[in-house]
C-alpha cells in the first residue's frame, strides 16, 4: 500500500511537472511567435526603408550625373569663352598696337608737314620782305611762286635770252633768299607768245626754256645756287597769271624726301 502511494505520488508529480513544462513551452512558443512577428515587422520596415534609401540613392546618383554633365558643359562653355576672350583680347591688343603705330606714323608725317609748311611760310615772308609787292608773290600747295614779267626781265624783244641789267637786282634778292634756304628746290618756268616767222625758227617752247635757263645760269654763277636744286622749263604761248609772257620761280620743299619719309614710316 505504501508502495502504491509512492508510485501515485510520483505519477502526480510527473503529471504536474509535465503540465508545467507544457505551459512553459506554450508561453515560450507564444513569445517566439511574438518575436517572429516583431522580427517580420522589423524586416518589412527595413526592406521598406531599404527601398526608400535605394530610391534616394538612385535620385542622388541621377542628380550627381546631371550635375556632372552640367559642370562639364559649364567647363566647356567656360573654355570656349576663355578662348574667344583670349582671341578678342589678342585682336584688341593687335589693333591697339597697330593704332599706336599708325598714330606714331601720322605724328611723324604731321610734324614733317608742319615743318615744311613753316619753312614755306618763312620763305614766303622773306620774299615779301626782300621784294616788296612787285613782283607778284603767291603761296599755294606748299610752294612759293615769284612771277616776273618777261618784258622786264628780257626787254621788249620776245626772242631775247639775256636778262637785262635792271632786272638783275631783283634776281639778286631772289638769289639771297634761295641761298638762305638750301633745303628748298627751285623750278623756273618761262613762257612766250612769240609767233614764228621766217627770221625765227624757234618755237615758244624753245624760247621759254632758254629764257628760264638764262635766269637759272645767273642764280648758279652769281649767287652759288646749286644746279641740282634747279629745274628750268619752258611753257607754251599760254600766259601765266594774266601776264602775257612771264617767268615764274617756284620754290618748294623737297617732296621726294617727304614721300621717302612717308614710305619709310609706313613700313
Protein backbone atom coordinates (compact mmCIF):
# COMPACT_ATOMS: atom_id res chain seq x y z
CA UNK A 1 0.00 0.00 0.00
CA UNK A 2 2.76 2.28 0.85
CA UNK A 3 4.48 1.46 -2.37
CA UNK A 4 1.37 2.19 -4.35
CA UNK A 5 1.05 5.52 -2.66
CA UNK A 6 4.60 6.33 -3.51
CA UNK A 7 4.02 5.47 -7.12
CA UNK A 8 0.89 7.61 -7.21
CA UNK A 9 2.80 10.49 -5.72
CA UNK A 10 5.47 10.10 -8.36
CA UNK A 11 2.91 9.92 -11.12
CA UNK A 12 1.17 13.01 -9.78
CA UNK A 13 4.46 14.89 -9.59
CA UNK A 14 5.37 13.84 -13.07
CA UNK A 15 1.96 14.94 -14.38
CA UNK A 16 2.26 18.23 -12.63
CA UNK A 17 5.79 18.69 -13.98
CA UNK A 18 4.70 17.84 -17.48
CA UNK A 19 1.76 20.19 -17.27
CA UNK A 20 4.05 22.93 -16.05
CA UNK A 21 6.56 22.23 -18.83
CA UNK A 22 3.82 22.27 -21.44
CA UNK A 23 2.60 25.58 -20.17
CA UNK A 24 6.11 26.94 -20.24
CA UNK A 25 6.55 25.66 -23.75
CA UNK A 26 3.32 27.27 -24.84
CA UNK A 27 4.42 30.53 -23.31
CA UNK A 28 7.81 30.18 -24.91
CA UNK A 29 6.22 29.41 -28.29
CA UNK A 30 3.93 32.40 -27.91
CA UNK A 31 6.96 34.52 -27.05
CA UNK A 32 8.84 33.21 -30.02
CA UNK A 33 5.86 33.86 -32.26
CA UNK A 34 5.64 37.37 -30.92
CA UNK A 35 9.36 37.88 -31.55
CA UNK A 36 8.91 36.41 -35.03
CA UNK A 37 6.10 38.84 -35.78
CA UNK A 38 8.22 41.69 -34.46
CA UNK A 39 11.17 40.49 -36.50
CA UNK A 40 8.97 40.19 -39.60
CA UNK A 41 7.63 43.68 -38.96
CA UNK A 42 11.15 45.00 -38.43
CA UNK A 43 12.30 43.16 -41.56
CA UNK A 44 9.43 44.60 -43.55
CA UNK A 45 10.22 48.07 -42.21
CA UNK A 46 13.88 47.56 -43.01
CA UNK A 47 13.01 46.45 -46.54
CA UNK A 48 10.73 49.48 -46.93
CA UNK A 49 13.48 51.77 -45.65
CA UNK A 50 15.94 49.99 -47.94
CA UNK A 51 13.66 50.64 -50.91
CA UNK A 52 13.33 54.28 -49.88
CA UNK A 53 17.10 54.53 -49.40
CA UNK A 54 17.70 52.86 -52.78
CA UNK A 55 15.30 55.28 -54.42
CA UNK A 56 17.09 58.17 -52.74
CA UNK A 57 20.45 56.78 -53.83
CA UNK A 58 19.22 56.48 -57.42
CA UNK A 59 17.85 60.02 -57.21
CA UNK A 60 21.11 61.30 -55.79
CA UNK A 61 23.07 59.44 -58.43
CA UNK A 62 20.86 60.94 -61.13
CA UNK A 63 21.37 64.39 -59.62
CA UNK A 64 25.12 63.80 -59.38
CA UNK A 65 25.24 62.68 -63.02
CA UNK A 66 23.16 65.69 -64.03
CA UNK A 67 25.45 67.98 -62.04
CA UNK A 68 28.49 66.34 -63.62
CA UNK A 69 27.01 66.88 -67.08
CA UNK A 70 26.06 70.45 -66.23
CA UNK A 71 29.51 71.07 -64.80
CA UNK A 72 31.14 69.58 -67.90
CA UNK A 73 29.01 71.82 -70.14
CA UNK A 74 29.83 74.84 -68.00
CA UNK A 75 33.52 73.98 -68.13
CA UNK A 76 33.31 73.53 -71.90
CA UNK A 77 31.49 76.85 -72.26
CA UNK A 78 34.00 78.49 -69.94
CA UNK A 79 36.87 77.15 -72.02
CA UNK A 80 35.17 78.34 -75.20
CA UNK A 81 34.52 81.74 -73.65
CA UNK A 82 38.10 81.94 -72.39
CA UNK A 83 39.43 81.01 -75.82
CA UNK A 84 37.15 83.53 -77.53
CA UNK A 85 38.04 86.15 -74.92
CA UNK A 86 41.74 85.49 -75.46
CA UNK A 87 41.28 85.81 -79.21
CA UNK A 88 39.36 89.07 -78.76
CA UNK A 89 42.00 90.27 -76.35
CA UNK A 90 44.76 89.37 -78.80
CA UNK A 91 42.83 91.09 -81.59
CA UNK A 92 42.27 94.17 -79.44
CA UNK A 93 45.93 94.24 -78.42
CA UNK A 94 46.97 93.83 -82.05
CA UNK A 95 44.57 96.60 -83.08
CA UNK A 96 45.85 98.86 -80.31
CA UNK A 97 49.44 98.18 -81.32
CA UNK A 98 48.52 98.95 -84.93
CA UNK A 99 46.73 102.14 -83.88
CA UNK A 100 49.68 103.22 -81.76
CA UNK A 101 52.00 102.54 -84.69
CA UNK A 102 49.71 104.41 -87.12
CA UNK A 103 49.40 107.27 -84.65
CA UNK A 104 53.18 107.48 -84.42
CA UNK A 105 53.43 107.38 -88.21
CA UNK A 106 50.80 110.10 -88.58
CA UNK A 107 52.57 112.17 -85.94
CA UNK A 108 55.81 111.92 -87.92
CA UNK A 109 54.02 112.88 -91.14
CA UNK A 110 52.12 115.74 -89.49
CA UNK A 111 55.28 117.02 -87.85
CA UNK A 112 57.08 116.88 -91.18
CA UNK A 113 54.19 118.62 -92.95
CA UNK A 114 54.07 121.29 -90.26
CA UNK A 115 57.82 121.74 -90.53
CA UNK A 116 57.64 122.07 -94.32
CA UNK A 117 54.68 124.44 -94.10
CA UNK A 118 56.60 126.54 -91.60
CA UNK A 119 59.63 126.65 -93.90
CA UNK A 120 57.43 127.55 -96.88
CA UNK A 121 55.75 130.32 -94.91
CA UNK A 122 59.16 131.59 -93.77
CA UNK A 123 60.39 131.68 -97.39
CA UNK A 124 57.23 133.49 -98.46
CA UNK A 125 57.77 136.06 -95.70
CA UNK A 126 61.42 136.51 -96.70
CA UNK A 127 60.45 137.10 -100.33
CA UNK A 128 57.81 139.63 -99.25
CA UNK A 129 60.29 141.47 -97.06
CA UNK A 130 63.01 141.39 -99.72
CA UNK A 131 60.99 142.04 -102.89
CA UNK A 132 58.01 144.01 -101.63
CA UNK A 133 54.76 143.99 -103.61
CA UNK A 134 56.36 143.80 -107.05
CA UNK A 135 56.87 141.19 -108.46
CA UNK A 136 53.83 139.09 -107.66
CA UNK A 137 54.43 136.54 -104.88
CA UNK A 138 51.98 133.75 -104.08
CA UNK A 139 51.95 130.67 -101.87
CA UNK A 140 49.89 127.60 -102.73
CA UNK A 141 50.05 123.84 -102.11
CA UNK A 142 53.21 124.17 -100.04
CA UNK A 143 55.10 126.16 -102.71
CA UNK A 144 56.04 129.83 -103.08
CA UNK A 145 55.92 131.37 -106.57
CA UNK A 146 57.56 134.61 -107.72
CA UNK A 147 56.14 135.79 -111.07
CA UNK A 148 58.06 138.35 -113.19
CA UNK A 149 57.04 139.93 -116.49
CA UNK A 150 59.34 138.81 -119.32
CA UNK A 151 59.40 142.32 -120.77
CA UNK A 152 61.01 143.43 -117.50
CA UNK A 153 63.48 140.53 -117.48
CA UNK A 154 64.39 140.34 -121.18
CA UNK A 155 63.13 143.59 -122.72
CA UNK A 156 60.53 144.08 -125.36
CA UNK A 157 62.17 141.70 -127.83
CA UNK A 158 60.47 138.39 -127.08
CA UNK A 159 63.27 136.34 -128.60
CA UNK A 160 65.87 137.88 -126.29
CA UNK A 161 67.51 135.36 -123.91
CA UNK A 162 69.70 137.78 -121.97
CA UNK A 163 68.50 139.18 -118.64
CA UNK A 164 68.58 142.99 -118.57
CA UNK A 165 70.83 144.73 -116.06
CA UNK A 166 67.91 146.44 -114.35
CA UNK A 167 66.35 143.02 -113.68
CA UNK A 168 69.48 141.55 -112.10
CA UNK A 169 68.83 143.47 -108.88
CA UNK A 170 65.57 141.60 -108.30
CA UNK A 171 67.23 138.30 -109.23
CA UNK A 172 69.97 139.12 -106.69
CA UNK A 173 67.32 139.50 -103.97
CA UNK A 174 65.72 136.24 -105.06
CA UNK A 175 69.13 134.57 -105.02
CA UNK A 176 69.83 135.71 -101.46
CA UNK A 177 66.58 134.15 -100.23
CA UNK A 178 67.25 130.92 -102.15
CA UNK A 179 70.79 130.71 -100.78
CA UNK A 180 69.47 131.16 -97.24
CA UNK A 181 67.14 128.17 -97.72
CA UNK A 182 69.30 125.37 -99.16
CA UNK A 183 66.72 122.64 -98.50
CA UNK A 184 64.24 124.14 -100.98
CA UNK A 185 64.03 123.03 -104.61
CA UNK A 186 63.66 125.59 -107.39
CA UNK A 187 61.71 125.36 -110.63
CA UNK A 188 62.00 128.16 -113.20
CA UNK A 189 59.20 128.20 -115.77
CA UNK A 190 59.06 130.72 -118.64
CA UNK A 191 56.60 131.14 -121.49
CA UNK A 192 56.48 133.24 -124.64
CA UNK A 193 53.86 134.42 -127.11
CA UNK A 194 56.36 134.78 -129.94
CA UNK A 195 54.84 133.97 -133.32
CA UNK A 196 57.15 132.04 -135.59
CA UNK A 197 58.42 133.96 -138.62
CA UNK A 198 60.86 133.31 -141.45
CA UNK A 199 63.58 135.05 -139.44
CA UNK A 200 62.96 132.99 -136.31
CA UNK A 201 62.59 129.24 -136.49
CA UNK A 202 62.40 128.81 -132.71
CA UNK A 203 59.01 127.97 -131.22
CA UNK A 204 57.52 129.15 -127.95
CA UNK A 205 58.68 126.04 -126.05
CA UNK A 206 62.29 126.58 -127.01
CA UNK A 207 62.21 130.31 -126.29
CA UNK A 208 60.59 129.78 -122.88
CA UNK A 209 63.13 127.09 -121.96
CA UNK A 210 66.11 129.25 -122.95
CA UNK A 211 64.76 132.25 -121.03
CA UNK A 212 64.25 130.06 -117.93
CA UNK A 213 67.78 128.69 -118.37
CA UNK A 214 69.17 132.24 -118.55
CA UNK A 215 67.72 133.01 -115.11
CA UNK A 216 69.00 129.67 -113.78
CA UNK A 217 72.54 130.41 -115.00
CA UNK A 218 72.59 133.74 -113.14
CA UNK A 219 71.42 132.09 -109.91
CA UNK A 220 74.08 129.40 -110.27
CA UNK A 221 77.03 131.54 -111.39
CA UNK A 222 76.48 134.70 -109.37
CA UNK A 223 74.68 133.50 -106.25
CA UNK A 224 76.11 129.99 -105.85
CA UNK A 225 72.77 128.22 -106.02
CA UNK A 226 73.49 124.52 -106.52
CA UNK A 227 72.41 123.47 -110.03
CA UNK A 228 70.99 120.20 -108.69
CA UNK A 229 68.34 122.28 -106.94
CA UNK A 230 67.19 123.95 -110.16
CA UNK A 231 64.87 122.79 -112.94
CA UNK A 232 64.43 125.17 -115.92
CA UNK A 233 61.48 124.56 -118.25
CA UNK A 234 59.51 126.33 -120.95
CA UNK A 235 55.77 126.59 -121.48
CA UNK A 236 53.58 127.18 -124.49
CA UNK A 237 52.17 130.51 -125.55
CA UNK A 238 49.59 130.46 -122.75
CA UNK A 239 50.33 133.25 -120.29
CA UNK A 240 50.90 132.95 -116.54
CA UNK A 241 48.69 134.79 -114.04
CA UNK A 242 47.15 137.02 -116.75
CA UNK A 243 50.62 138.26 -117.73
CA UNK A 244 51.12 137.76 -121.44
CA UNK A 245 54.69 136.49 -121.13
CA UNK A 246 56.24 135.76 -117.75
CA UNK A 247 58.86 133.80 -115.86
CA UNK A 248 57.83 132.04 -112.68
CA UNK A 249 60.29 130.94 -109.99
CA UNK A 250 58.65 128.22 -107.88
CA UNK A 251 60.29 127.40 -104.55
CA UNK A 252 59.13 124.32 -102.65
CA UNK A 253 60.34 121.72 -100.15
CA UNK A 254 61.92 118.56 -101.49
CA UNK A 255 58.79 116.49 -101.75
CA UNK A 256 60.63 113.38 -102.87
CA UNK A 257 62.32 113.38 -99.46
CA UNK A 258 58.93 113.78 -97.83
CA UNK A 259 57.47 110.88 -99.83
CA UNK A 260 60.52 108.81 -98.94
CA UNK A 261 59.94 109.63 -95.27
CA UNK A 262 56.26 108.67 -95.59
CA UNK A 263 57.20 105.41 -97.31
CA UNK A 264 59.73 104.58 -94.61
CA UNK A 265 57.37 105.45 -91.77
CA UNK A 266 54.57 103.30 -93.24
CA UNK A 267 56.65 100.10 -93.17
